[in-house]
Amino acid sequence: MKFEEKGMIAPFTLITSIITGSIFPLLGSLIALDLKVIEDIYLTGIILVMIGGFIANWILAHSIHDLFHTNVEKRKTFSKKTLKILIAISTIILFTIALYLTLKRGWPVMVFAMIGFLVSLYAEGLFHHESQMAFGAMFLVMGGFYVQAATLDISFIIWLKVIFVAIFAFLSQYGWLLFYRLDDYDWNIKKKNMSILITKAALIFLILYFLL
């Protein structure tokens, strides 16, 4: 199987899903420790948000994506019947994780989970737009942070720093995915330059996090 091939079981899709789905919630979790919102890491929370993020990014989002686009282009994926089963299974697993963390850490967990679920369910399958994964990355950071903090009663400055990291996640993911999909835009130079600028702009918000 070639690395550059598209589809749920293509190597590139799997690797990028691990990075996006697992690293961004891990980042959100670690900044809670860095900002001294918590004294000790809630390890179960980190593990579950990383697993949930990966399942949402790879199984849920890409099974829906492939289900809608197998007739449009050749993709390395499963049969339509299997894809539908995977959608159902991933939904059950994600809801179970969200419910458990909601009971342990509070109702905002479910809010973040539902936003992430709807973005994966709707945008990836029907819009086929690079901003889907970008919004997903943004809320994975915020969700990972909240699971550790377990409270909304946090100072404005801390929330601002969390938002800076979330925007960094959004822009870096959006710019990278825009570049990745240049073939869909007929290798448009304007789109390429835009993707580079968006990705570099993400660094501004990462710097602001450390400066504030």
N, C-alpha and C. Protein backbone atom coordinates (compact mmCIF):
# COMPACT_ATOMS: atom_id res chain seq x y z
N MET A 1 0.84 -1.19 0.00
CA MET A 1 0.00 0.00 0.00
C MET A 1 0.88 1.25 0.00
N LYS A 2 0.65 2.15 -0.94
CA LYS A 2 1.47 3.34 -1.05
C LYS A 2 1.13 4.35 0.04
N PHE A 3 2.18 5.04 0.51
CA PHE A 3 2.03 5.99 1.61
C PHE A 3 1.11 7.14 1.25
N GLU A 4 1.15 7.56 -0.02
CA GLU A 4 0.39 8.75 -0.44
C GLU A 4 -1.08 8.47 -0.77
N GLU A 5 -1.50 7.20 -0.72
CA GLU A 5 -2.88 6.87 -1.07
C GLU A 5 -3.87 7.41 -0.04
N LYS A 6 -5.09 7.69 -0.51
CA LYS A 6 -6.14 8.21 0.35
C LYS A 6 -7.04 7.07 0.83
N GLY A 7 -7.74 7.32 1.93
CA GLY A 7 -8.65 6.33 2.46
C GLY A 7 -8.38 6.00 3.91
N MET A 8 -9.34 5.42 4.55
CA MET A 8 -9.28 5.17 5.99
C MET A 8 -8.10 4.28 6.40
N ILE A 9 -7.78 3.26 5.59
CA ILE A 9 -6.72 2.34 5.97
C ILE A 9 -5.39 2.66 5.28
N ALA A 10 -5.32 3.80 4.61
CA ALA A 10 -4.05 4.22 4.01
C ALA A 10 -3.10 4.64 5.12
N PRO A 11 -1.80 4.34 5.02
CA PRO A 11 -0.83 4.66 6.07
C PRO A 11 -0.82 6.14 6.46
N PHE A 12 -0.90 7.02 5.47
CA PHE A 12 -0.86 8.45 5.75
C PHE A 12 -2.06 8.89 6.61
N THR A 13 -3.23 8.37 6.30
CA THR A 13 -4.44 8.69 7.06
C THR A 13 -4.31 8.23 8.50
N LEU A 14 -3.80 7.03 8.69
CA LEU A 14 -3.66 6.48 10.04
C LEU A 14 -2.67 7.29 10.87
N ILE A 15 -1.53 7.61 10.29
CA ILE A 15 -0.49 8.35 11.01
C ILE A 15 -0.98 9.75 11.39
N THR A 16 -1.58 10.46 10.44
CA THR A 16 -2.05 11.82 10.73
C THR A 16 -3.21 11.80 11.74
N SER A 17 -4.01 10.75 11.72
CA SER A 17 -5.11 10.64 12.69
C SER A 17 -4.58 10.43 14.11
N ILE A 18 -3.50 9.67 14.22
CA ILE A 18 -2.87 9.47 15.53
C ILE A 18 -2.32 10.80 16.05
N ILE A 19 -1.64 11.53 15.17
CA ILE A 19 -1.04 12.81 15.59
C ILE A 19 -2.11 13.81 15.97
N THR A 20 -3.10 14.00 15.10
CA THR A 20 -4.15 14.98 15.37
C THR A 20 -5.02 14.56 16.55
N GLY A 21 -5.48 13.32 16.52
CA GLY A 21 -6.42 12.87 17.53
C GLY A 21 -5.83 12.69 18.91
N SER A 22 -4.55 12.37 18.99
CA SER A 22 -3.94 12.09 20.29
C SER A 22 -3.08 13.23 20.83
N ILE A 23 -2.30 13.88 19.96
CA ILE A 23 -1.36 14.89 20.43
C ILE A 23 -2.06 16.16 20.90
N PHE A 24 -3.11 16.61 20.20
CA PHE A 24 -3.79 17.84 20.61
C PHE A 24 -4.48 17.73 21.97
N PRO A 25 -5.20 16.65 22.27
CA PRO A 25 -5.75 16.55 23.63
C PRO A 25 -4.65 16.39 24.69
N LEU A 26 -3.54 15.75 24.32
CA LEU A 26 -2.40 15.65 25.23
C LEU A 26 -1.84 17.05 25.51
N LEU A 27 -1.74 17.87 24.47
CA LEU A 27 -1.28 19.25 24.63
C LEU A 27 -2.19 20.03 25.57
N GLY A 28 -3.49 19.90 25.38
CA GLY A 28 -4.45 20.57 26.25
C GLY A 28 -4.32 20.12 27.69
N SER A 29 -4.05 18.84 27.89
CA SER A 29 -3.88 18.30 29.23
C SER A 29 -2.62 18.84 29.90
N LEU A 30 -1.55 18.91 29.15
CA LEU A 30 -0.27 19.34 29.71
C LEU A 30 -0.23 20.83 30.05
N ILE A 31 -0.96 21.65 29.28
CA ILE A 31 -0.95 23.08 29.61
C ILE A 31 -1.70 23.35 30.91
N ALA A 32 -2.62 22.46 31.28
CA ALA A 32 -3.29 22.59 32.57
C ALA A 32 -2.27 22.46 33.70
N LEU A 33 -1.30 21.59 33.51
CA LEU A 33 -0.23 21.42 34.49
C LEU A 33 0.74 22.60 34.42
N ASP A 34 1.06 23.03 33.21
CA ASP A 34 1.99 24.15 33.02
C ASP A 34 1.44 25.44 33.61
N LEU A 35 0.13 25.64 33.51
CA LEU A 35 -0.50 26.85 34.03
C LEU A 35 -0.82 26.75 35.52
N LYS A 36 -0.43 25.61 36.11
CA LYS A 36 -0.63 25.36 37.55
C LYS A 36 -2.11 25.37 37.96
N VAL A 37 -2.96 24.99 37.01
CA VAL A 37 -4.38 24.83 37.32
C VAL A 37 -4.57 23.55 38.13
N ILE A 38 -3.70 22.59 37.89
CA ILE A 38 -3.72 21.33 38.63
C ILE A 38 -2.33 21.06 39.20
N GLU A 39 -2.27 20.25 40.23
CA GLU A 39 -0.97 19.87 40.81
C GLU A 39 -0.52 18.50 40.31
N ASP A 40 -1.48 17.65 40.03
CA ASP A 40 -1.17 16.31 39.54
C ASP A 40 -2.02 16.00 38.31
N ILE A 41 -1.43 15.29 37.38
CA ILE A 41 -2.12 14.89 36.16
C ILE A 41 -3.19 13.84 36.46
N TYR A 42 -4.37 14.05 35.90
CA TYR A 42 -5.44 13.04 35.96
C TYR A 42 -5.18 12.08 34.80
N LEU A 43 -4.41 11.04 35.09
CA LEU A 43 -3.90 10.14 34.05
C LEU A 43 -5.02 9.45 33.27
N THR A 44 -6.05 9.00 33.97
CA THR A 44 -7.18 8.36 33.28
C THR A 44 -7.81 9.30 32.27
N GLY A 45 -7.89 10.59 32.65
CA GLY A 45 -8.45 11.59 31.75
C GLY A 45 -7.62 11.75 30.49
N ILE A 46 -6.30 11.81 30.64
CA ILE A 46 -5.40 11.93 29.48
C ILE A 46 -5.58 10.74 28.55
N ILE A 47 -5.55 9.55 29.12
CA ILE A 47 -5.66 8.34 28.30
C ILE A 47 -6.98 8.30 27.53
N LEU A 48 -8.08 8.64 28.21
CA LEU A 48 -9.39 8.57 27.57
C LEU A 48 -9.58 9.63 26.50
N VAL A 49 -9.10 10.86 26.74
CA VAL A 49 -9.27 11.90 25.70
C VAL A 49 -8.38 11.61 24.50
N MET A 50 -7.22 11.00 24.73
CA MET A 50 -6.36 10.64 23.61
C MET A 50 -6.97 9.51 22.79
N ILE A 51 -7.54 8.52 23.48
CA ILE A 51 -8.22 7.42 22.78
C ILE A 51 -9.44 7.96 22.04
N GLY A 52 -10.23 8.78 22.73
CA GLY A 52 -11.42 9.35 22.11
C GLY A 52 -11.09 10.23 20.92
N GLY A 53 -10.05 11.04 21.05
CA GLY A 53 -9.63 11.89 19.94
C GLY A 53 -9.21 11.09 18.73
N PHE A 54 -8.47 10.01 18.97
CA PHE A 54 -8.02 9.16 17.88
C PHE A 54 -9.20 8.46 17.20
N ILE A 55 -10.12 7.93 18.00
CA ILE A 55 -11.30 7.26 17.43
C ILE A 55 -12.14 8.24 16.61
N ALA A 56 -12.31 9.47 17.14
CA ALA A 56 -13.11 10.47 16.42
C ALA A 56 -12.45 10.87 15.11
N ASN A 57 -11.12 11.03 15.15
CA ASN A 57 -10.39 11.47 13.96
C ASN A 57 -10.23 10.37 12.93
N TRP A 58 -9.97 9.16 13.38
CA TRP A 58 -9.72 8.10 12.42
C TRP A 58 -10.98 7.30 12.08
N ILE A 59 -11.58 6.65 13.08
CA ILE A 59 -12.69 5.75 12.78
C ILE A 59 -13.96 6.50 12.40
N LEU A 60 -14.41 7.42 13.26
CA LEU A 60 -15.68 8.10 12.98
C LEU A 60 -15.58 9.00 11.76
N ALA A 61 -14.65 9.96 11.79
CA ALA A 61 -14.57 10.94 10.70
C ALA A 61 -14.25 10.29 9.35
N HIS A 62 -13.27 9.40 9.34
CA HIS A 62 -12.85 8.84 8.06
C HIS A 62 -13.77 7.75 7.53
N SER A 63 -14.48 7.05 8.42
CA SER A 63 -15.46 6.08 7.92
C SER A 63 -16.62 6.82 7.24
N ILE A 64 -17.02 7.95 7.84
CA ILE A 64 -18.05 8.78 7.21
C ILE A 64 -17.53 9.36 5.91
N HIS A 65 -16.30 9.85 5.96
CA HIS A 65 -15.68 10.44 4.78
C HIS A 65 -15.64 9.44 3.62
N ASP A 66 -15.16 8.24 3.91
CA ASP A 66 -15.05 7.23 2.86
C ASP A 66 -16.42 6.78 2.36
N LEU A 67 -17.39 6.71 3.26
CA LEU A 67 -18.74 6.30 2.88
C LEU A 67 -19.33 7.26 1.85
N PHE A 68 -19.03 8.55 2.01
CA PHE A 68 -19.56 9.56 1.10
C PHE A 68 -18.73 9.73 -0.17
N HIS A 69 -17.45 9.32 -0.12
CA HIS A 69 -16.57 9.66 -1.24
C HIS A 69 -15.98 8.48 -2.01
N THR A 70 -16.36 7.26 -1.65
CA THR A 70 -15.84 6.11 -2.40
C THR A 70 -16.31 6.11 -3.85
N ASN A 71 -17.44 6.73 -4.10
CA ASN A 71 -17.95 6.81 -5.48
C ASN A 71 -17.35 7.98 -6.25
N VAL A 72 -16.64 8.86 -5.52
CA VAL A 72 -16.04 10.05 -6.14
C VAL A 72 -14.61 9.78 -6.58
N GLU A 73 -13.86 9.08 -5.72
CA GLU A 73 -12.46 8.80 -6.01
C GLU A 73 -12.06 7.47 -5.39
N LYS A 74 -10.97 6.89 -5.90
CA LYS A 74 -10.48 5.62 -5.40
C LYS A 74 -9.87 5.82 -4.01
N ARG A 75 -10.27 4.97 -3.06
CA ARG A 75 -9.78 5.11 -1.69
C ARG A 75 -9.47 3.73 -1.11
N LYS A 76 -8.47 3.68 -0.25
CA LYS A 76 -8.14 2.46 0.47
C LYS A 76 -9.01 2.40 1.72
N THR A 77 -10.04 1.60 1.67
CA THR A 77 -10.99 1.60 2.78
C THR A 77 -11.72 0.26 2.86
N PHE A 78 -12.72 0.21 3.74
CA PHE A 78 -13.51 -1.00 3.93
C PHE A 78 -14.76 -0.93 3.06
N SER A 79 -15.55 -2.01 3.09
CA SER A 79 -16.81 -2.03 2.35
C SER A 79 -17.79 -1.05 3.01
N LYS A 80 -18.82 -0.66 2.27
CA LYS A 80 -19.80 0.29 2.80
C LYS A 80 -20.51 -0.28 4.03
N LYS A 81 -20.76 -1.58 4.04
CA LYS A 81 -21.41 -2.21 5.19
C LYS A 81 -20.51 -2.12 6.43
N THR A 82 -19.23 -2.41 6.23
CA THR A 82 -18.27 -2.34 7.33
C THR A 82 -18.13 -0.91 7.84
N LEU A 83 -18.11 0.05 6.93
CA LEU A 83 -17.99 1.46 7.31
C LEU A 83 -19.17 1.89 8.19
N LYS A 84 -20.36 1.43 7.83
CA LYS A 84 -21.56 1.77 8.63
C LYS A 84 -21.47 1.16 10.03
N ILE A 85 -20.95 -0.07 10.10
CA ILE A 85 -20.78 -0.73 11.41
C ILE A 85 -19.76 0.04 12.25
N LEU A 86 -18.67 0.48 11.61
CA LEU A 86 -17.64 1.24 12.31
C LEU A 86 -18.17 2.57 12.83
N ILE A 87 -19.04 3.20 12.06
CA ILE A 87 -19.65 4.46 12.50
C ILE A 87 -20.46 4.22 13.78
N ALA A 88 -21.25 3.15 13.78
CA ALA A 88 -22.09 2.83 14.94
C ALA A 88 -21.23 2.48 16.16
N ILE A 89 -20.21 1.64 15.96
CA ILE A 89 -19.34 1.22 17.08
C ILE A 89 -18.58 2.42 17.65
N SER A 90 -17.99 3.24 16.78
CA SER A 90 -17.22 4.40 17.25
C SER A 90 -18.12 5.39 17.99
N THR A 91 -19.36 5.54 17.53
CA THR A 91 -20.31 6.43 18.21
C THR A 91 -20.59 5.95 19.63
N ILE A 92 -20.79 4.65 19.79
CA ILE A 92 -21.05 4.07 21.11
C ILE A 92 -19.85 4.25 22.04
N ILE A 93 -18.66 3.98 21.51
CA ILE A 93 -17.45 4.11 22.32
C ILE A 93 -17.23 5.56 22.74
N LEU A 94 -17.38 6.48 21.80
CA LEU A 94 -17.18 7.90 22.09
C LEU A 94 -18.19 8.42 23.12
N PHE A 95 -19.44 7.97 22.99
CA PHE A 95 -20.47 8.40 23.95
C PHE A 95 -20.16 7.85 25.34
N THR A 96 -19.68 6.60 25.39
CA THR A 96 -19.34 5.98 26.68
C THR A 96 -18.20 6.74 27.36
N ILE A 97 -17.17 7.09 26.59
CA ILE A 97 -16.05 7.85 27.14
C ILE A 97 -16.53 9.22 27.63
N ALA A 98 -17.33 9.89 26.80
CA ALA A 98 -17.84 11.23 27.15
C ALA A 98 -18.71 11.17 28.40
N LEU A 99 -19.55 10.14 28.51
CA LEU A 99 -20.43 10.01 29.67
C LEU A 99 -19.62 9.75 30.94
N TYR A 100 -18.65 8.89 30.85
CA TYR A 100 -17.80 8.58 32.01
C TYR A 100 -17.07 9.83 32.49
N LEU A 101 -16.44 10.57 31.56
CA LEU A 101 -15.70 11.77 31.95
C LEU A 101 -16.62 12.89 32.42
N THR A 102 -17.85 12.91 31.89
CA THR A 102 -18.83 13.90 32.35
C THR A 102 -19.20 13.64 33.81
N LEU A 103 -19.40 12.38 34.16
CA LEU A 103 -19.74 12.01 35.53
C LEU A 103 -18.58 12.30 36.48
N LYS A 104 -17.35 12.15 35.96
CA LYS A 104 -16.17 12.35 36.80
C LYS A 104 -15.75 13.81 36.88
N ARG A 105 -15.89 14.56 35.76
CA ARG A 105 -15.30 15.90 35.70
C ARG A 105 -16.29 17.04 35.47
N GLY A 106 -17.54 16.73 35.10
CA GLY A 106 -18.53 17.80 34.96
C GLY A 106 -19.14 17.87 33.56
N TRP A 107 -20.29 18.55 33.49
CA TRP A 107 -21.07 18.62 32.25
C TRP A 107 -20.36 19.25 31.04
N PRO A 108 -19.40 20.19 31.21
CA PRO A 108 -18.74 20.75 30.01
C PRO A 108 -18.05 19.70 29.14
N VAL A 109 -17.66 18.57 29.75
CA VAL A 109 -17.05 17.50 28.97
C VAL A 109 -17.98 17.05 27.86
N MET A 110 -19.25 16.88 28.19
CA MET A 110 -20.23 16.45 27.20
C MET A 110 -20.44 17.49 26.11
N VAL A 111 -20.36 18.76 26.49
CA VAL A 111 -20.50 19.85 25.51
C VAL A 111 -19.35 19.79 24.50
N PHE A 112 -18.12 19.69 25.00
CA PHE A 112 -16.96 19.59 24.12
C PHE A 112 -17.05 18.33 23.25
N ALA A 113 -17.50 17.23 23.84
CA ALA A 113 -17.61 15.96 23.12
C ALA A 113 -18.65 16.05 22.00
N MET A 114 -19.79 16.70 22.29
CA MET A 114 -20.84 16.81 21.28
C MET A 114 -20.42 17.71 20.13
N ILE A 115 -19.69 18.78 20.45
CA ILE A 115 -19.19 19.65 19.38
C ILE A 115 -18.24 18.87 18.49
N GLY A 116 -17.31 18.15 19.10
CA GLY A 116 -16.37 17.34 18.33
C GLY A 116 -17.06 16.28 17.51
N PHE A 117 -18.07 15.65 18.10
CA PHE A 117 -18.82 14.61 17.39
C PHE A 117 -19.54 15.17 16.18
N LEU A 118 -20.23 16.29 16.35
CA LEU A 118 -21.00 16.88 15.26
C LEU A 118 -20.10 17.37 14.13
N VAL A 119 -18.94 17.92 14.50
CA VAL A 119 -17.99 18.36 13.48
C VAL A 119 -17.52 17.17 12.65
N SER A 120 -17.19 16.07 13.33
CA SER A 120 -16.74 14.87 12.63
C SER A 120 -17.86 14.25 11.79
N LEU A 121 -19.04 14.19 12.36
CA LEU A 121 -20.17 13.53 11.70
C LEU A 121 -20.65 14.30 10.48
N TYR A 122 -20.74 15.61 10.61
CA TYR A 122 -21.37 16.40 9.56
C TYR A 122 -20.37 16.94 8.54
N ALA A 123 -19.37 17.68 9.01
CA ALA A 123 -18.49 18.37 8.09
C ALA A 123 -17.63 17.42 7.25
N GLU A 124 -17.03 16.44 7.90
CA GLU A 124 -16.14 15.55 7.15
C GLU A 124 -16.90 14.76 6.09
N GLY A 125 -18.10 14.33 6.41
CA GLY A 125 -18.84 13.52 5.46
C GLY A 125 -19.54 14.30 4.38
N LEU A 126 -20.04 15.50 4.74
CA LEU A 126 -20.87 16.23 3.79
C LEU A 126 -20.20 17.47 3.21
N PHE A 127 -19.41 18.17 4.00
CA PHE A 127 -18.73 19.36 3.50
C PHE A 127 -17.41 19.02 2.82
N HIS A 128 -16.73 17.97 3.33
CA HIS A 128 -15.42 17.57 2.81
C HIS A 128 -14.51 18.79 2.78
N HIS A 129 -14.39 19.47 3.92
CA HIS A 129 -13.62 20.70 3.99
C HIS A 129 -12.53 20.57 5.04
N GLU A 130 -11.37 21.17 4.74
CA GLU A 130 -10.22 21.06 5.64
C GLU A 130 -10.45 21.68 7.02
N SER A 131 -11.41 22.59 7.13
CA SER A 131 -11.65 23.23 8.43
C SER A 131 -12.23 22.24 9.45
N GLN A 132 -12.76 21.11 8.99
CA GLN A 132 -13.33 20.13 9.92
C GLN A 132 -12.30 19.66 10.93
N MET A 133 -11.17 19.19 10.43
CA MET A 133 -10.13 18.70 11.32
C MET A 133 -9.53 19.83 12.14
N ALA A 134 -9.55 21.04 11.59
CA ALA A 134 -9.01 22.19 12.31
C ALA A 134 -9.87 22.51 13.53
N PHE A 135 -11.19 22.52 13.35
CA PHE A 135 -12.09 22.73 14.49
C PHE A 135 -11.97 21.58 15.48
N GLY A 136 -11.79 20.37 14.94
CA GLY A 136 -11.61 19.21 15.80
C GLY A 136 -10.37 19.36 16.67
N ALA A 137 -9.26 19.80 16.08
CA ALA A 137 -8.02 20.01 16.82
C ALA A 137 -8.20 21.06 17.92
N MET A 138 -8.91 22.13 17.57
CA MET A 138 -9.16 23.22 18.52
C MET A 138 -9.91 22.73 19.76
N PHE A 139 -10.96 21.97 19.54
CA PHE A 139 -11.77 21.51 20.67
C PHE A 139 -11.14 20.32 21.40
N LEU A 140 -10.23 19.62 20.74
CA LEU A 140 -9.48 18.57 21.44
C LEU A 140 -8.55 19.20 22.48
N VAL A 141 -7.94 20.34 22.13
CA VAL A 141 -7.09 21.05 23.08
C VAL A 141 -7.92 21.54 24.26
N MET A 142 -9.05 22.19 23.98
CA MET A 142 -9.89 22.74 25.04
C MET A 142 -10.51 21.64 25.89
N GLY A 143 -10.93 20.56 25.24
CA GLY A 143 -11.51 19.44 25.96
C GLY A 143 -10.49 18.75 26.85
N GLY A 144 -9.27 18.57 26.31
CA GLY A 144 -8.20 17.96 27.09
C GLY A 144 -7.86 18.79 28.31
N PHE A 145 -7.87 20.12 28.14
CA PHE A 145 -7.60 21.03 29.25
C PHE A 145 -8.69 20.92 30.31
N TYR A 146 -9.95 20.95 29.88
CA TYR A 146 -11.03 20.93 30.86
C TYR A 146 -11.09 19.63 31.65
N VAL A 147 -10.82 18.52 30.97
CA VAL A 147 -10.85 17.22 31.68
C VAL A 147 -9.86 17.23 32.83
N GLN A 148 -8.74 17.93 32.67
CA GLN A 148 -7.77 18.04 33.75
C GLN A 148 -8.21 19.06 34.80
N ALA A 149 -8.67 20.23 34.34
CA ALA A 149 -9.05 21.31 35.26
C ALA A 149 -10.32 20.99 36.04
N ALA A 150 -11.30 20.41 35.33
CA ALA A 150 -12.60 20.02 35.92
C ALA A 150 -13.34 21.20 36.54
N THR A 151 -13.11 22.39 36.02
CA THR A 151 -13.85 23.58 36.48
C THR A 151 -13.78 24.68 35.44
N LEU A 152 -14.82 25.53 35.41
CA LEU A 152 -14.82 26.70 34.54
C LEU A 152 -14.40 27.95 35.30
N ASP A 153 -14.27 27.80 36.63
CA ASP A 153 -13.93 28.92 37.49
C ASP A 153 -12.41 29.16 37.49
N ILE A 154 -11.95 29.68 36.37
CA ILE A 154 -10.52 29.92 36.16
C ILE A 154 -10.34 31.37 35.71
N SER A 155 -9.24 31.97 36.06
CA SER A 155 -9.01 33.38 35.74
C SER A 155 -9.04 33.64 34.23
N PHE A 156 -9.36 34.87 33.88
CA PHE A 156 -9.44 35.28 32.48
C PHE A 156 -8.12 35.06 31.74
N ILE A 157 -7.01 35.36 32.41
CA ILE A 157 -5.70 35.22 31.77
C ILE A 157 -5.42 33.76 31.41
N ILE A 158 -5.76 32.86 32.31
CA ILE A 158 -5.53 31.43 32.02
C ILE A 158 -6.39 30.97 30.86
N TRP A 159 -7.68 31.37 30.86
CA TRP A 159 -8.54 31.00 29.74
C TRP A 159 -8.01 31.58 28.43
N LEU A 160 -7.48 32.81 28.50
CA LEU A 160 -6.94 33.44 27.29
C LEU A 160 -5.75 32.65 26.76
N LYS A 161 -4.91 32.17 27.66
CA LYS A 161 -3.76 31.37 27.25
C LYS A 161 -4.20 30.03 26.65
N VAL A 162 -5.24 29.45 27.23
CA VAL A 162 -5.78 28.20 26.69
C VAL A 162 -6.33 28.45 25.28
N ILE A 163 -7.03 29.55 25.11
CA ILE A 163 -7.59 29.90 23.79
C ILE A 163 -6.47 30.13 22.78
N PHE A 164 -5.37 30.74 23.21
CA PHE A 164 -4.23 30.95 22.31
C PHE A 164 -3.72 29.61 21.79
N VAL A 165 -3.59 28.63 22.68
CA VAL A 165 -3.12 27.31 22.25
C VAL A 165 -4.15 26.64 21.34
N ALA A 166 -5.44 26.83 21.65
CA ALA A 166 -6.51 26.25 20.83
C ALA A 166 -6.49 26.87 19.42
N ILE A 167 -6.24 28.18 19.34
CA ILE A 167 -6.15 28.85 18.03
C ILE A 167 -4.91 28.37 17.28
N PHE A 168 -3.82 28.17 18.02
CA PHE A 168 -2.61 27.60 17.41
C PHE A 168 -2.93 26.25 16.78
N ALA A 169 -3.68 25.41 17.51
CA ALA A 169 -4.06 24.09 17.00
C ALA A 169 -4.92 24.24 15.74
N PHE A 170 -5.88 25.16 15.80
CA PHE A 170 -6.78 25.36 14.66
C PHE A 170 -6.02 25.81 13.42
N LEU A 171 -5.20 26.85 13.56
CA LEU A 171 -4.50 27.41 12.40
C LEU A 171 -3.45 26.45 11.83
N SER A 172 -2.71 25.79 12.71
CA SER A 172 -1.68 24.85 12.23
C SER A 172 -2.33 23.70 11.48
N GLN A 173 -3.44 23.20 12.00
CA GLN A 173 -4.14 22.10 11.35
C GLN A 173 -4.80 22.55 10.06
N TYR A 174 -5.43 23.73 10.09
CA TYR A 174 -6.12 24.25 8.91
C TYR A 174 -5.13 24.51 7.77
N GLY A 175 -4.03 25.17 8.09
CA GLY A 175 -3.03 25.48 7.06
C GLY A 175 -2.42 24.23 6.47
N TRP A 176 -2.12 23.25 7.34
CA TRP A 176 -1.52 22.01 6.85
C TRP A 176 -2.49 21.25 5.95
N LEU A 177 -3.77 21.17 6.36
CA LEU A 177 -4.75 20.43 5.57
C LEU A 177 -5.07 21.12 4.25
N LEU A 178 -5.01 22.45 4.25
CA LEU A 178 -5.21 23.19 3.02
C LEU A 178 -4.10 22.86 2.02
N PHE A 179 -2.89 22.74 2.53
CA PHE A 179 -1.75 22.36 1.70
C PHE A 179 -1.91 20.92 1.21
N TYR A 180 -2.36 20.05 2.09
CA TYR A 180 -2.55 18.63 1.76
C TYR A 180 -3.57 18.44 0.64
N ARG A 181 -4.56 19.33 0.59
CA ARG A 181 -5.62 19.18 -0.40
C ARG A 181 -5.43 20.06 -1.64
N LEU A 182 -4.20 20.45 -1.90
CA LEU A 182 -3.94 21.30 -3.06
C LEU A 182 -4.37 20.64 -4.37
N ASP A 183 -4.32 19.30 -4.41
CA ASP A 183 -4.75 18.61 -5.63
C ASP A 183 -6.23 18.84 -5.91
N ASP A 184 -7.02 19.02 -4.84
CA ASP A 184 -8.45 19.31 -5.02
C ASP A 184 -8.68 20.72 -5.55
N TYR A 185 -7.66 21.58 -5.41
CA TYR A 185 -7.74 22.96 -5.90
C TYR A 185 -6.89 23.15 -7.15
N ASP A 186 -6.59 22.04 -7.84
CA ASP A 186 -5.80 22.07 -9.08
C ASP A 186 -4.44 22.73 -8.88
N TRP A 187 -3.82 22.47 -7.72
CA TRP A 187 -2.49 22.97 -7.40
C TRP A 187 -2.41 24.50 -7.52
N ASN A 188 -3.45 25.15 -7.06
CA ASN A 188 -3.54 26.61 -7.12
C ASN A 188 -2.46 27.27 -6.26
N ILE A 189 -1.66 28.16 -6.87
CA ILE A 189 -0.57 28.82 -6.17
C ILE A 189 -1.08 29.70 -5.04
N LYS A 190 -2.21 30.35 -5.27
CA LYS A 190 -2.80 31.21 -4.24
C LYS A 190 -3.17 30.40 -3.00
N LYS A 191 -3.76 29.21 -3.23
CA LYS A 191 -4.12 28.33 -2.12
C LYS A 191 -2.87 27.84 -1.38
N LYS A 192 -1.82 27.55 -2.15
CA LYS A 192 -0.58 27.08 -1.53
C LYS A 192 0.01 28.15 -0.63
N ASN A 193 0.09 29.38 -1.14
CA ASN A 193 0.63 30.49 -0.35
C ASN A 193 -0.23 30.77 0.88
N MET A 194 -1.55 30.65 0.71
CA MET A 194 -2.47 30.87 1.83
C MET A 194 -2.23 29.83 2.91
N SER A 195 -2.03 28.58 2.50
CA SER A 195 -1.83 27.50 3.47
C SER A 195 -0.55 27.73 4.26
N ILE A 196 0.49 28.20 3.60
CA ILE A 196 1.77 28.47 4.27
C ILE A 196 1.62 29.62 5.26
N LEU A 197 0.93 30.68 4.85
CA LEU A 197 0.72 31.83 5.74
C LEU A 197 -0.11 31.46 6.97
N ILE A 198 -1.17 30.68 6.75
CA ILE A 198 -2.03 30.26 7.87
C ILE A 198 -1.24 29.42 8.86
N THR A 199 -0.45 28.49 8.34
CA THR A 199 0.34 27.61 9.21
C THR A 199 1.35 28.41 10.02
N LYS A 200 2.02 29.37 9.38
CA LYS A 200 3.01 30.19 10.08
C LYS A 200 2.33 31.14 11.08
N ALA A 201 1.13 31.61 10.75
CA ALA A 201 0.40 32.50 11.66
C ALA A 201 0.09 31.79 12.97
N ALA A 202 -0.02 30.47 12.93
CA ALA A 202 -0.29 29.70 14.15
C ALA A 202 0.79 29.92 15.19
N LEU A 203 2.02 30.11 14.74
CA LEU A 203 3.15 30.30 15.65
C LEU A 203 2.99 31.57 16.49
N ILE A 204 2.32 32.56 15.95
CA ILE A 204 2.09 33.82 16.69
C ILE A 204 1.35 33.53 17.99
N PHE A 205 0.33 32.69 17.92
CA PHE A 205 -0.49 32.39 19.10
C PHE A 205 0.26 31.49 20.08
N LEU A 206 1.15 30.66 19.57
CA LEU A 206 1.97 29.84 20.46
C LEU A 206 2.94 30.75 21.22
N ILE A 207 3.50 31.73 20.54
CA ILE A 207 4.40 32.69 21.18
C ILE A 207 3.65 33.52 22.22
N LEU A 208 2.42 33.94 21.89
CA LEU A 208 1.61 34.72 22.83
C LEU A 208 1.34 33.93 24.11
N TYR A 209 1.17 32.62 23.97
CA TYR A 209 0.96 31.76 25.14
C TYR A 209 2.13 31.90 26.12
N PHE A 210 3.34 31.87 25.57
CA PHE A 210 4.53 31.93 26.43
C PHE A 210 4.83 33.35 26.93
N LEU A 211 4.41 34.35 26.16
CA LEU A 211 4.69 35.74 26.55
C LEU A 211 3.72 36.29 27.59
N LEU A 212 2.46 35.82 27.54
CA LEU A 212 1.43 36.41 28.40
C LEU A 212 1.65 36.05 29.87
